[in-house]
Amino acid sequence: MFFAINRELIKLGVALFSLAIFFSGCATAPRHAGGTAAHYVDPGQQSEVSGVGIESQDIINMTDKMMSDILATPLFFQTKTHPKVIIDAEYFKNESSTRINKNMITDRLRTELNRAARGKMIFIGREYLNMMLKELQLKQLGVINEGESTSEPKAYGGDFRLGGRISTMDSVDPKTGSFARYHQILFEMIDLNTSEIVWSGSYNFKKVGQEDIIYR
């Protein structure tokens, strides 16, 4: 009888201890203000979470503008042969105070231009060169067949390649804490045989804010 009562007391003590820990955790847990459920927004419009850096609407607007300008350049379309173009972030520098993934800019410019050019420009994926070399090696070893091509496989050389840079100029009012950031995004197409700059375009904007957001 004595041992049975002790066992019941032990069970009761464990239960009370667990309950105390639970309520203690609830009391110390941080309380967050009511949030907003995740929802879709138009990437071409400024959202409620925005700062003075480069954002989705800026990427869409600048690449649309550069695409239209390139499509209107006779050098790239009024030729007997289709020009071979490399558009990637290799020589597109970020020298600004804005954190941005450069690939988001060059990838969209390339894909939209490729779609709009309708085969009048040949786009070279230089970043995929190792992929091609590995495939050629497998074919030469006889591991896989040669495919449809009967000519000697060879990587394309580029005629033009994209270069450019992102630059910014910041100014801060020490009295109010307000600050402004001016962006200048330069796009240039380089002739890979002569290093001549055959086309240039720029996209500029300035934003003012009381405080910035964190870009990741």
N, C-alpha and C. Protein backbone atom coordinates (compact mmCIF):
# COMPACT_ATOMS: atom_id res chain seq x y z
N MET A 1 0.83 -1.20 0.00
CA MET A 1 0.00 0.00 0.00
C MET A 1 0.87 1.25 0.00
N PHE A 2 1.87 1.25 0.81
CA PHE A 2 2.77 2.40 0.93
C PHE A 2 3.47 2.67 -0.40
N PHE A 3 3.94 1.56 -1.04
CA PHE A 3 4.65 1.71 -2.31
C PHE A 3 3.71 2.17 -3.41
N ALA A 4 2.48 1.72 -3.40
CA ALA A 4 1.49 2.13 -4.40
C ALA A 4 1.23 3.62 -4.32
N ILE A 5 1.11 4.14 -3.06
CA ILE A 5 0.88 5.58 -2.88
C ILE A 5 2.09 6.37 -3.39
N ASN A 6 3.30 5.89 -3.10
CA ASN A 6 4.51 6.57 -3.56
C ASN A 6 4.56 6.66 -5.08
N ARG A 7 4.16 5.55 -5.73
CA ARG A 7 4.17 5.57 -7.20
C ARG A 7 3.20 6.59 -7.75
N GLU A 8 2.03 6.70 -7.09
CA GLU A 8 1.04 7.68 -7.53
C GLU A 8 1.54 9.10 -7.32
N LEU A 9 2.23 9.31 -6.19
CA LEU A 9 2.78 10.65 -5.91
C LEU A 9 3.87 11.01 -6.92
N ILE A 10 4.69 10.03 -7.29
CA ILE A 10 5.76 10.28 -8.27
C ILE A 10 5.15 10.66 -9.62
N LYS A 11 4.12 9.93 -10.05
CA LYS A 11 3.46 10.23 -11.32
C LYS A 11 2.86 11.63 -11.30
N LEU A 12 2.23 11.98 -10.18
CA LEU A 12 1.62 13.29 -10.04
C LEU A 12 2.68 14.39 -10.08
N GLY A 13 3.83 14.14 -9.42
CA GLY A 13 4.91 15.13 -9.42
C GLY A 13 5.48 15.35 -10.82
N VAL A 14 5.65 14.27 -11.55
CA VAL A 14 6.17 14.39 -12.92
C VAL A 14 5.21 15.17 -13.81
N ALA A 15 3.92 14.89 -13.63
CA ALA A 15 2.91 15.58 -14.43
C ALA A 15 2.90 17.07 -14.12
N LEU A 16 2.98 17.42 -12.83
CA LEU A 16 2.98 18.83 -12.45
C LEU A 16 4.23 19.54 -12.95
N PHE A 17 5.38 18.84 -12.90
CA PHE A 17 6.63 19.42 -13.36
C PHE A 17 6.58 19.70 -14.87
N SER A 18 6.04 18.75 -15.63
CA SER A 18 5.92 18.92 -17.08
C SER A 18 4.99 20.08 -17.41
N LEU A 19 3.90 20.18 -16.64
CA LEU A 19 2.94 21.26 -16.86
C LEU A 19 3.57 22.61 -16.56
N ALA A 20 4.40 22.68 -15.52
CA ALA A 20 5.06 23.93 -15.16
C ALA A 20 6.03 24.36 -16.26
N ILE A 21 6.76 23.41 -16.82
CA ILE A 21 7.70 23.73 -17.91
C ILE A 21 6.94 24.24 -19.13
N PHE A 22 5.79 23.63 -19.42
CA PHE A 22 4.99 24.03 -20.58
C PHE A 22 4.53 25.47 -20.44
N PHE A 23 3.97 25.81 -19.25
CA PHE A 23 3.48 27.17 -19.06
C PHE A 23 4.62 28.18 -19.00
N SER A 24 5.77 27.74 -18.48
CA SER A 24 6.93 28.62 -18.44
C SER A 24 7.39 28.95 -19.85
N GLY A 25 7.39 27.95 -20.74
CA GLY A 25 7.78 28.18 -22.13
C GLY A 25 6.81 29.10 -22.83
N CYS A 26 5.54 28.96 -22.56
CA CYS A 26 4.54 29.82 -23.17
C CYS A 26 4.72 31.27 -22.71
N ALA A 27 5.08 31.43 -21.44
CA ALA A 27 5.20 32.78 -20.90
C ALA A 27 6.40 33.52 -21.46
N THR A 28 7.49 32.77 -21.79
CA THR A 28 8.71 33.41 -22.27
C THR A 28 8.79 33.45 -23.77
N ALA A 29 7.88 32.77 -24.50
CA ALA A 29 7.92 32.78 -25.96
C ALA A 29 7.65 34.17 -26.49
N PRO A 30 8.39 34.61 -27.50
CA PRO A 30 8.20 35.95 -28.04
C PRO A 30 6.83 36.07 -28.69
N ARG A 31 6.24 37.19 -28.50
CA ARG A 31 4.92 37.45 -29.08
C ARG A 31 5.09 38.36 -30.30
N HIS A 32 4.61 37.89 -31.44
CA HIS A 32 4.74 38.64 -32.67
C HIS A 32 3.40 39.30 -33.00
N ALA A 33 3.52 40.46 -33.59
CA ALA A 33 2.31 41.13 -34.03
C ALA A 33 1.68 40.34 -35.17
N GLY A 34 0.40 40.51 -35.33
CA GLY A 34 -0.30 39.78 -36.38
C GLY A 34 0.32 40.07 -37.73
N GLY A 35 0.70 39.04 -38.49
CA GLY A 35 1.35 39.20 -39.78
C GLY A 35 0.36 39.09 -40.93
N THR A 36 0.90 39.15 -42.13
CA THR A 36 0.09 39.03 -43.33
C THR A 36 0.42 37.71 -44.00
N ALA A 37 -0.59 36.98 -44.38
CA ALA A 37 -0.37 35.70 -45.04
C ALA A 37 0.35 35.91 -46.37
N ALA A 38 1.19 34.95 -46.74
CA ALA A 38 1.92 35.04 -48.00
C ALA A 38 0.94 35.12 -49.16
N HIS A 39 1.23 35.97 -50.13
CA HIS A 39 0.34 36.14 -51.27
C HIS A 39 1.15 36.60 -52.47
N TYR A 40 0.62 36.43 -53.67
CA TYR A 40 1.30 36.84 -54.89
C TYR A 40 1.11 38.33 -55.11
N VAL A 41 2.18 38.96 -55.63
CA VAL A 41 2.10 40.37 -56.03
C VAL A 41 2.71 40.49 -57.42
N ASP A 42 2.40 41.56 -58.10
CA ASP A 42 2.93 41.81 -59.44
C ASP A 42 4.40 42.21 -59.33
N PRO A 43 5.34 41.40 -59.88
CA PRO A 43 6.75 41.75 -59.76
C PRO A 43 7.13 43.01 -60.52
N GLY A 44 6.24 43.46 -61.40
CA GLY A 44 6.52 44.68 -62.15
C GLY A 44 6.09 45.94 -61.42
N GLN A 45 5.49 45.78 -60.25
CA GLN A 45 5.04 46.91 -59.46
C GLN A 45 5.75 46.95 -58.12
N GLN A 46 5.91 48.13 -57.55
CA GLN A 46 6.55 48.26 -56.25
C GLN A 46 5.67 47.63 -55.17
N SER A 47 6.29 46.82 -54.31
CA SER A 47 5.53 46.16 -53.25
C SER A 47 5.63 46.94 -51.95
N GLU A 48 4.90 46.43 -50.94
CA GLU A 48 4.93 47.11 -49.64
C GLU A 48 6.28 46.94 -48.94
N VAL A 49 7.06 45.93 -49.36
CA VAL A 49 8.41 45.73 -48.82
C VAL A 49 9.40 46.22 -49.87
N SER A 50 9.88 47.43 -49.70
CA SER A 50 10.78 48.00 -50.71
C SER A 50 11.77 48.94 -50.05
N GLY A 51 12.89 49.10 -50.70
CA GLY A 51 13.94 49.98 -50.19
C GLY A 51 14.53 50.81 -51.32
N VAL A 52 15.77 51.23 -51.17
CA VAL A 52 16.40 52.09 -52.17
C VAL A 52 17.31 51.30 -53.12
N GLY A 53 17.32 49.97 -53.01
CA GLY A 53 18.16 49.15 -53.88
C GLY A 53 17.44 48.77 -55.16
N ILE A 54 18.07 47.87 -55.93
CA ILE A 54 17.48 47.36 -57.16
C ILE A 54 16.46 46.29 -56.81
N GLU A 55 15.25 46.43 -57.31
CA GLU A 55 14.17 45.50 -56.99
C GLU A 55 13.59 44.91 -58.27
N SER A 56 12.60 44.05 -58.10
CA SER A 56 12.08 43.29 -59.23
C SER A 56 11.59 44.18 -60.36
N GLN A 57 10.87 45.26 -60.02
CA GLN A 57 10.36 46.13 -61.07
C GLN A 57 11.49 46.83 -61.83
N ASP A 58 12.59 47.10 -61.13
CA ASP A 58 13.74 47.72 -61.80
C ASP A 58 14.38 46.75 -62.79
N ILE A 59 14.51 45.48 -62.39
CA ILE A 59 15.09 44.47 -63.27
C ILE A 59 14.23 44.29 -64.52
N ILE A 60 12.93 44.22 -64.33
CA ILE A 60 12.02 44.05 -65.47
C ILE A 60 12.08 45.26 -66.40
N ASN A 61 12.03 46.46 -65.83
CA ASN A 61 12.03 47.66 -66.65
C ASN A 61 13.33 47.84 -67.42
N MET A 62 14.46 47.61 -66.74
CA MET A 62 15.75 47.86 -67.40
C MET A 62 16.02 46.82 -68.50
N THR A 63 15.68 45.56 -68.25
CA THR A 63 15.93 44.54 -69.28
C THR A 63 14.99 44.70 -70.47
N ASP A 64 13.77 45.13 -70.22
CA ASP A 64 12.84 45.41 -71.33
C ASP A 64 13.37 46.56 -72.19
N LYS A 65 13.89 47.59 -71.54
CA LYS A 65 14.42 48.74 -72.27
C LYS A 65 15.66 48.34 -73.09
N MET A 66 16.58 47.57 -72.48
CA MET A 66 17.79 47.17 -73.19
C MET A 66 17.45 46.23 -74.35
N MET A 67 16.49 45.34 -74.14
CA MET A 67 16.08 44.42 -75.20
C MET A 67 15.54 45.19 -76.39
N SER A 68 14.67 46.16 -76.15
CA SER A 68 14.09 46.94 -77.24
C SER A 68 15.16 47.71 -77.99
N ASP A 69 16.13 48.24 -77.27
CA ASP A 69 17.20 49.01 -77.89
C ASP A 69 18.09 48.12 -78.76
N ILE A 70 18.42 46.92 -78.27
CA ILE A 70 19.25 46.00 -79.05
C ILE A 70 18.51 45.54 -80.30
N LEU A 71 17.22 45.26 -80.17
CA LEU A 71 16.43 44.81 -81.32
C LEU A 71 16.34 45.88 -82.40
N ALA A 72 16.49 47.14 -82.00
CA ALA A 72 16.42 48.25 -82.95
C ALA A 72 17.77 48.60 -83.55
N THR A 73 18.82 47.86 -83.19
CA THR A 73 20.16 48.13 -83.69
C THR A 73 20.43 47.30 -84.95
N PRO A 74 20.61 47.95 -86.10
CA PRO A 74 20.78 47.21 -87.37
C PRO A 74 21.96 46.25 -87.37
N LEU A 75 23.02 46.56 -86.64
CA LEU A 75 24.22 45.73 -86.64
C LEU A 75 23.92 44.28 -86.30
N PHE A 76 22.95 44.05 -85.44
CA PHE A 76 22.67 42.69 -84.97
C PHE A 76 21.69 41.93 -85.86
N PHE A 77 21.05 42.63 -86.81
CA PHE A 77 20.01 41.95 -87.59
C PHE A 77 20.17 42.11 -89.11
N GLN A 78 20.77 43.20 -89.56
CA GLN A 78 20.91 43.42 -90.99
C GLN A 78 22.27 42.89 -91.47
N THR A 79 22.51 41.62 -91.23
CA THR A 79 23.74 40.96 -91.66
C THR A 79 23.39 39.66 -92.36
N LYS A 80 24.33 39.18 -93.20
CA LYS A 80 24.10 37.94 -93.92
C LYS A 80 24.10 36.73 -92.99
N THR A 81 24.94 36.79 -91.98
CA THR A 81 25.00 35.69 -91.00
C THR A 81 24.45 36.16 -89.67
N HIS A 82 23.88 35.24 -88.92
CA HIS A 82 23.33 35.58 -87.62
C HIS A 82 24.47 35.77 -86.62
N PRO A 83 24.54 36.91 -85.95
CA PRO A 83 25.63 37.14 -84.99
C PRO A 83 25.53 36.21 -83.79
N LYS A 84 26.68 35.77 -83.32
CA LYS A 84 26.75 34.90 -82.15
C LYS A 84 27.06 35.76 -80.93
N VAL A 85 26.18 35.72 -79.95
CA VAL A 85 26.23 36.66 -78.84
C VAL A 85 26.33 35.91 -77.51
N ILE A 86 27.16 36.44 -76.62
CA ILE A 86 27.27 35.89 -75.27
C ILE A 86 26.73 36.94 -74.30
N ILE A 87 25.68 36.59 -73.60
CA ILE A 87 25.10 37.49 -72.60
C ILE A 87 25.07 36.76 -71.27
N ASP A 88 26.00 37.09 -70.39
CA ASP A 88 26.03 36.52 -69.04
C ASP A 88 26.64 37.55 -68.10
N ALA A 89 26.86 37.17 -66.86
CA ALA A 89 27.32 38.11 -65.84
C ALA A 89 28.83 38.10 -65.65
N GLU A 90 29.56 37.39 -66.51
CA GLU A 90 31.00 37.26 -66.34
C GLU A 90 31.71 38.62 -66.33
N TYR A 91 31.32 39.50 -67.22
CA TYR A 91 31.96 40.82 -67.32
C TYR A 91 30.98 41.94 -66.99
N PHE A 92 29.95 41.58 -66.24
CA PHE A 92 28.96 42.55 -65.77
C PHE A 92 29.22 42.77 -64.28
N LYS A 93 29.84 43.89 -63.93
CA LYS A 93 30.36 44.10 -62.59
C LYS A 93 29.37 44.86 -61.71
N ASN A 94 29.37 44.50 -60.44
CA ASN A 94 28.61 45.26 -59.45
C ASN A 94 29.58 46.06 -58.60
N GLU A 95 29.70 47.35 -58.89
CA GLU A 95 30.57 48.23 -58.14
C GLU A 95 29.75 49.17 -57.26
N SER A 96 28.52 48.79 -56.97
CA SER A 96 27.59 49.64 -56.24
C SER A 96 27.51 49.23 -54.77
N SER A 97 26.77 50.02 -54.00
CA SER A 97 26.52 49.70 -52.61
C SER A 97 25.25 48.87 -52.45
N THR A 98 24.66 48.47 -53.55
CA THR A 98 23.45 47.65 -53.54
C THR A 98 23.82 46.18 -53.69
N ARG A 99 23.23 45.35 -52.87
CA ARG A 99 23.43 43.90 -52.99
C ARG A 99 22.45 43.35 -54.02
N ILE A 100 22.99 42.71 -55.06
CA ILE A 100 22.14 42.20 -56.13
C ILE A 100 22.81 40.99 -56.78
N ASN A 101 22.01 40.01 -57.13
CA ASN A 101 22.48 38.87 -57.91
C ASN A 101 22.50 39.31 -59.38
N LYS A 102 23.67 39.50 -59.95
CA LYS A 102 23.79 40.01 -61.31
C LYS A 102 23.14 39.08 -62.33
N ASN A 103 23.11 37.80 -62.04
CA ASN A 103 22.51 36.84 -62.97
C ASN A 103 21.03 37.13 -63.21
N MET A 104 20.36 37.71 -62.24
CA MET A 104 18.95 38.02 -62.41
C MET A 104 18.75 39.03 -63.54
N ILE A 105 19.71 39.91 -63.71
CA ILE A 105 19.63 40.93 -64.77
C ILE A 105 20.02 40.33 -66.11
N THR A 106 21.19 39.69 -66.18
CA THR A 106 21.67 39.17 -67.46
C THR A 106 20.84 37.98 -67.95
N ASP A 107 20.37 37.14 -67.03
CA ASP A 107 19.55 35.99 -67.43
C ASP A 107 18.25 36.44 -68.07
N ARG A 108 17.61 37.45 -67.47
CA ARG A 108 16.34 37.91 -68.04
C ARG A 108 16.57 38.61 -69.37
N LEU A 109 17.63 39.41 -69.46
CA LEU A 109 17.93 40.07 -70.73
C LEU A 109 18.16 39.03 -71.83
N ARG A 110 18.93 37.99 -71.54
CA ARG A 110 19.24 36.98 -72.54
C ARG A 110 17.99 36.20 -72.97
N THR A 111 17.21 35.75 -72.01
CA THR A 111 16.05 34.92 -72.35
C THR A 111 14.99 35.72 -73.11
N GLU A 112 14.76 36.96 -72.68
CA GLU A 112 13.76 37.79 -73.38
C GLU A 112 14.25 38.17 -74.78
N LEU A 113 15.54 38.46 -74.91
CA LEU A 113 16.09 38.81 -76.21
C LEU A 113 16.10 37.59 -77.14
N ASN A 114 16.42 36.43 -76.59
CA ASN A 114 16.40 35.20 -77.37
C ASN A 114 15.00 34.92 -77.90
N ARG A 115 14.03 35.13 -77.07
CA ARG A 115 12.64 34.91 -77.48
C ARG A 115 12.21 35.90 -78.57
N ALA A 116 12.58 37.17 -78.39
CA ALA A 116 12.14 38.21 -79.33
C ALA A 116 12.92 38.18 -80.65
N ALA A 117 14.17 37.72 -80.61
CA ALA A 117 15.01 37.71 -81.82
C ALA A 117 14.55 36.69 -82.84
N ARG A 118 13.83 35.66 -82.42
CA ARG A 118 13.25 34.64 -83.31
C ARG A 118 14.31 34.03 -84.24
N GLY A 119 15.44 33.65 -83.66
CA GLY A 119 16.48 32.96 -84.41
C GLY A 119 17.42 33.85 -85.20
N LYS A 120 17.24 35.16 -85.16
CA LYS A 120 18.11 36.07 -85.91
C LYS A 120 19.42 36.34 -85.18
N MET A 121 19.50 35.92 -83.93
CA MET A 121 20.74 35.99 -83.17
C MET A 121 20.98 34.62 -82.57
N ILE A 122 22.24 34.20 -82.52
CA ILE A 122 22.60 32.93 -81.90
C ILE A 122 23.21 33.22 -80.54
N PHE A 123 22.65 32.63 -79.50
CA PHE A 123 23.11 32.90 -78.13
C PHE A 123 23.98 31.74 -77.65
N ILE A 124 25.16 32.07 -77.20
CA ILE A 124 26.13 31.07 -76.78
C ILE A 124 26.13 30.96 -75.25
N GLY A 125 25.98 29.76 -74.75
CA GLY A 125 26.00 29.54 -73.29
C GLY A 125 27.42 29.20 -72.85
N ARG A 126 28.25 30.21 -72.70
CA ARG A 126 29.65 29.97 -72.35
C ARG A 126 29.78 29.28 -70.99
N GLU A 127 28.86 29.53 -70.08
CA GLU A 127 28.93 28.90 -68.76
C GLU A 127 28.65 27.40 -68.83
N TYR A 128 28.11 26.94 -69.97
CA TYR A 128 27.82 25.52 -70.14
C TYR A 128 28.90 24.80 -70.96
N LEU A 129 30.04 25.44 -71.16
CA LEU A 129 31.09 24.85 -72.00
C LEU A 129 31.57 23.51 -71.44
N ASN A 130 31.74 23.41 -70.12
CA ASN A 130 32.17 22.14 -69.52
C ASN A 130 31.16 21.03 -69.76
N MET A 131 29.90 21.38 -69.79
CA MET A 131 28.85 20.39 -70.08
C MET A 131 29.06 19.81 -71.47
N MET A 132 29.34 20.69 -72.43
CA MET A 132 29.56 20.25 -73.81
C MET A 132 30.81 19.38 -73.92
N LEU A 133 31.90 19.80 -73.24
CA LEU A 133 33.15 19.05 -73.32
C LEU A 133 33.01 17.64 -72.74
N LYS A 134 32.26 17.51 -71.66
CA LYS A 134 32.03 16.19 -71.07
C LYS A 134 31.24 15.29 -72.01
N GLU A 135 30.26 15.89 -72.68
CA GLU A 135 29.45 15.11 -73.62
C GLU A 135 30.30 14.66 -74.81
N LEU A 136 31.15 15.54 -75.32
CA LEU A 136 32.04 15.18 -76.42
C LEU A 136 33.00 14.06 -76.02
N GLN A 137 33.47 14.12 -74.79
CA GLN A 137 34.38 13.08 -74.31
C GLN A 137 33.71 11.72 -74.29
N LEU A 138 32.45 11.69 -73.83
CA LEU A 138 31.71 10.43 -73.81
C LEU A 138 31.48 9.90 -75.22
N LYS A 139 31.23 10.79 -76.17
CA LYS A 139 31.03 10.36 -77.55
C LYS A 139 32.32 9.80 -78.14
N GLN A 140 33.44 10.48 -77.86
CA GLN A 140 34.72 10.03 -78.40
C GLN A 140 35.14 8.68 -77.81
N LEU A 141 34.75 8.44 -76.57
CA LEU A 141 35.07 7.16 -75.93
C LEU A 141 34.13 6.04 -76.38
N GLY A 142 33.09 6.41 -77.12
CA GLY A 142 32.14 5.40 -77.60
C GLY A 142 31.13 4.99 -76.56
N VAL A 143 31.06 5.69 -75.45
CA VAL A 143 30.10 5.36 -74.41
C VAL A 143 28.68 5.65 -74.88
N ILE A 144 28.52 6.72 -75.64
CA ILE A 144 27.21 7.09 -76.20
C ILE A 144 27.40 7.34 -77.69
N ASN A 145 26.29 7.31 -78.46
CA ASN A 145 26.42 7.52 -79.89
C ASN A 145 26.61 8.99 -80.21
N GLU A 146 26.91 9.26 -81.47
CA GLU A 146 27.28 10.61 -81.89
C GLU A 146 26.09 11.55 -82.02
N GLY A 147 24.89 11.03 -82.02
CA GLY A 147 23.74 11.90 -82.22
C GLY A 147 23.51 12.17 -83.70
N GLU A 148 22.82 13.25 -84.03
CA GLU A 148 22.45 13.54 -85.41
C GLU A 148 23.57 14.23 -86.18
N SER A 149 24.45 14.97 -85.51
CA SER A 149 25.48 15.73 -86.20
C SER A 149 26.55 14.80 -86.77
N THR A 150 26.89 15.02 -88.06
CA THR A 150 27.91 14.22 -88.71
C THR A 150 29.23 14.98 -88.86
N SER A 151 29.20 16.30 -88.71
CA SER A 151 30.41 17.10 -88.82
C SER A 151 31.20 17.02 -87.52
N GLU A 152 32.45 17.44 -87.59
CA GLU A 152 33.29 17.43 -86.40
C GLU A 152 32.76 18.42 -85.37
N PRO A 153 32.47 17.99 -84.17
CA PRO A 153 31.90 18.90 -83.17
C PRO A 153 32.89 19.98 -82.78
N LYS A 154 32.39 21.19 -82.66
CA LYS A 154 33.25 22.32 -82.30
C LYS A 154 32.40 23.38 -81.64
N ALA A 155 32.91 23.96 -80.58
CA ALA A 155 32.17 25.01 -79.88
C ALA A 155 32.18 26.29 -80.70
N TYR A 156 31.06 27.00 -80.67
CA TYR A 156 30.97 28.27 -81.36
C TYR A 156 31.86 29.32 -80.68
N GLY A 157 32.46 30.16 -81.49
CA GLY A 157 33.13 31.34 -80.97
C GLY A 157 32.16 32.51 -81.03
N GLY A 158 32.23 33.40 -80.07
CA GLY A 158 31.31 34.52 -80.03
C GLY A 158 31.76 35.68 -80.90
N ASP A 159 30.79 36.40 -81.44
CA ASP A 159 31.06 37.64 -82.17
C ASP A 159 30.99 38.84 -81.24
N PHE A 160 30.02 38.79 -80.30
CA PHE A 160 29.81 39.90 -79.38
C PHE A 160 29.57 39.35 -77.98
N ARG A 161 29.96 40.13 -76.98
CA ARG A 161 29.72 39.73 -75.60
C ARG A 161 29.31 40.94 -74.77
N LEU A 162 28.38 40.68 -73.85
CA LEU A 162 27.89 41.75 -72.99
C LEU A 162 28.88 42.08 -71.88
N GLY A 163 29.07 43.37 -71.64
CA GLY A 163 29.82 43.86 -70.50
C GLY A 163 29.04 44.98 -69.84
N GLY A 164 29.57 45.51 -68.75
CA GLY A 164 28.89 46.62 -68.10
C GLY A 164 29.16 46.66 -66.63
N ARG A 165 28.49 47.58 -65.96
CA ARG A 165 28.69 47.70 -64.51
C ARG A 165 27.49 48.39 -63.87
N ILE A 166 27.36 48.11 -62.58
CA ILE A 166 26.34 48.79 -61.75
C ILE A 166 27.08 49.72 -60.81
N SER A 167 26.72 51.00 -60.83
CA SER A 167 27.35 51.99 -59.97
C SER A 167 26.29 52.75 -59.18
N THR A 168 26.65 53.20 -58.00
CA THR A 168 25.72 53.97 -57.18
C THR A 168 26.41 55.17 -56.56
N MET A 169 25.60 56.14 -56.18
CA MET A 169 26.07 57.29 -55.41
C MET A 169 25.05 57.54 -54.30
N ASP A 170 25.51 57.50 -53.03
CA ASP A 170 24.63 57.66 -51.88
C ASP A 170 24.81 59.02 -51.23
N SER A 171 23.73 59.53 -50.69
CA SER A 171 23.78 60.77 -49.90
C SER A 171 22.86 60.62 -48.70
N VAL A 172 23.31 61.13 -47.55
CA VAL A 172 22.58 60.98 -46.29
C VAL A 172 22.41 62.33 -45.62
N ASP A 173 21.19 62.60 -45.10
CA ASP A 173 20.94 63.80 -44.31
C ASP A 173 21.13 63.44 -42.84
N PRO A 174 22.20 63.92 -42.18
CA PRO A 174 22.47 63.53 -40.79
C PRO A 174 21.42 64.03 -39.80
N LYS A 175 20.66 65.03 -40.17
CA LYS A 175 19.66 65.58 -39.26
C LYS A 175 18.41 64.71 -39.20
N THR A 176 17.98 64.24 -40.35
CA THR A 176 16.74 63.47 -40.41
C THR A 176 16.97 61.97 -40.58
N GLY A 177 18.16 61.59 -41.03
CA GLY A 177 18.43 60.18 -41.29
C GLY A 177 17.96 59.73 -42.65
N SER A 178 17.36 60.62 -43.42
CA SER A 178 16.90 60.27 -44.77
C SER A 178 18.11 60.10 -45.68
N PHE A 179 18.03 59.17 -46.60
CA PHE A 179 19.12 58.99 -47.53
C PHE A 179 18.59 58.67 -48.92
N ALA A 180 19.42 58.97 -49.91
CA ALA A 180 19.06 58.75 -51.30
C ALA A 180 20.15 57.93 -51.97
N ARG A 181 19.75 57.14 -52.94
CA ARG A 181 20.71 56.33 -53.70
C ARG A 181 20.39 56.45 -55.19
N TYR A 182 21.41 56.87 -55.93
CA TYR A 182 21.30 57.00 -57.38
C TYR A 182 21.99 55.81 -58.03
N HIS A 183 21.27 55.11 -58.89
CA HIS A 183 21.81 53.95 -59.60
C HIS A 183 22.07 54.29 -61.06
N GLN A 184 23.20 53.84 -61.55
CA GLN A 184 23.51 53.90 -62.98
C GLN A 184 23.93 52.50 -63.41
N ILE A 185 23.14 51.89 -64.28
CA ILE A 185 23.44 50.54 -64.77
C ILE A 185 23.81 50.65 -66.24
N LEU A 186 25.04 50.29 -66.55
CA LEU A 186 25.57 50.41 -67.90
C LEU A 186 25.63 49.05 -68.57
N PHE A 187 25.13 48.98 -69.79
CA PHE A 187 25.19 47.77 -70.61
C PHE A 187 25.97 48.11 -71.88
N GLU A 188 26.92 47.25 -72.25
CA GLU A 188 27.69 47.47 -73.48
C GLU A 188 27.93 46.14 -74.19
N MET A 189 27.86 46.18 -75.52
CA MET A 189 28.14 44.99 -76.33
C MET A 189 29.50 45.19 -76.98
N ILE A 190 30.39 44.23 -76.77
CA ILE A 190 31.76 44.34 -77.22
C ILE A 190 32.00 43.41 -78.41
N ASP A 191 32.64 43.93 -79.46
CA ASP A 191 33.07 43.12 -80.58
C ASP A 191 34.27 42.29 -80.13
N LEU A 192 34.15 40.97 -80.12
CA LEU A 192 35.19 40.10 -79.59
C LEU A 192 36.40 39.95 -80.52
N ASN A 193 36.31 40.50 -81.71
CA ASN A 193 37.46 40.47 -82.62
C ASN A 193 38.29 41.75 -82.54
N THR A 194 37.64 42.86 -82.16
CA THR A 194 38.35 44.15 -82.16
C THR A 194 38.30 44.86 -80.82
N SER A 195 37.47 44.40 -79.88
CA SER A 195 37.18 45.04 -78.59
C SER A 195 36.43 46.36 -78.74
N GLU A 196 35.91 46.61 -79.93
CA GLU A 196 35.12 47.83 -80.15
C GLU A 196 33.79 47.73 -79.40
N ILE A 197 33.38 48.83 -78.81
CA ILE A 197 32.05 48.90 -78.18
C ILE A 197 31.06 49.25 -79.28
N VAL A 198 30.27 48.27 -79.69
CA VAL A 198 29.38 48.47 -80.83
C VAL A 198 27.98 48.91 -80.42
N TRP A 199 27.68 48.79 -79.13
CA TRP A 199 26.36 49.22 -78.64
C TRP A 199 26.47 49.53 -77.15
N SER A 200 25.82 50.59 -76.73
CA SER A 200 25.78 50.95 -75.31
C SER A 200 24.36 51.34 -74.92
N GLY A 201 24.01 51.02 -73.70
CA GLY A 201 22.73 51.43 -73.15
C GLY A 201 22.87 51.61 -71.66
N SER A 202 22.05 52.47 -71.08
CA SER A 202 22.12 52.69 -69.64
C SER A 202 20.72 52.83 -69.07
N TYR A 203 20.61 52.48 -67.81
CA TYR A 203 19.35 52.59 -67.08
C TYR A 203 19.67 53.27 -65.76
N ASN A 204 18.97 54.38 -65.48
CA ASN A 204 19.28 55.18 -64.31
C ASN A 204 18.02 55.46 -63.51
N PHE A 205 18.16 55.43 -62.20
CA PHE A 205 17.05 55.80 -61.33
C PHE A 205 17.59 56.22 -59.97
N LYS A 206 16.78 56.96 -59.23
CA LYS A 206 17.16 57.45 -57.91
C LYS A 206 16.01 57.21 -56.95
N LYS A 207 16.35 56.69 -55.75
CA LYS A 207 15.33 56.43 -54.73
C LYS A 207 15.71 57.14 -53.43
N VAL A 208 14.70 57.60 -52.73
CA VAL A 208 14.89 58.27 -51.45
C VAL A 208 14.07 57.54 -50.40
N GLY A 209 14.63 57.36 -49.21
CA GLY A 209 13.92 56.69 -48.14
C GLY A 209 14.38 57.13 -46.76
N GLN A 210 13.51 56.90 -45.77
CA GLN A 210 13.87 57.21 -44.38
C GLN A 210 14.74 56.11 -43.80
N GLU A 211 14.49 54.89 -44.24
CA GLU A 211 15.29 53.76 -43.80
C GLU A 211 15.26 52.68 -44.86
N ASP A 212 16.31 51.93 -44.95
CA ASP A 212 16.41 50.90 -45.98
C ASP A 212 15.94 49.56 -45.44
N ILE A 213 15.77 48.60 -46.35
CA ILE A 213 15.43 47.24 -45.95
C ILE A 213 16.67 46.37 -46.16
N ILE A 214 16.60 45.12 -45.70
CA ILE A 214 17.72 44.19 -45.85
C ILE A 214 17.51 43.38 -47.12
N TYR A 215 18.49 43.43 -48.03
CA TYR A 215 18.44 42.66 -49.26
C TYR A 215 19.24 41.40 -49.09
N ARG A 216 18.71 40.26 -49.49
CA ARG A 216 19.39 38.98 -49.36
C ARG A 216 19.51 38.30 -50.70
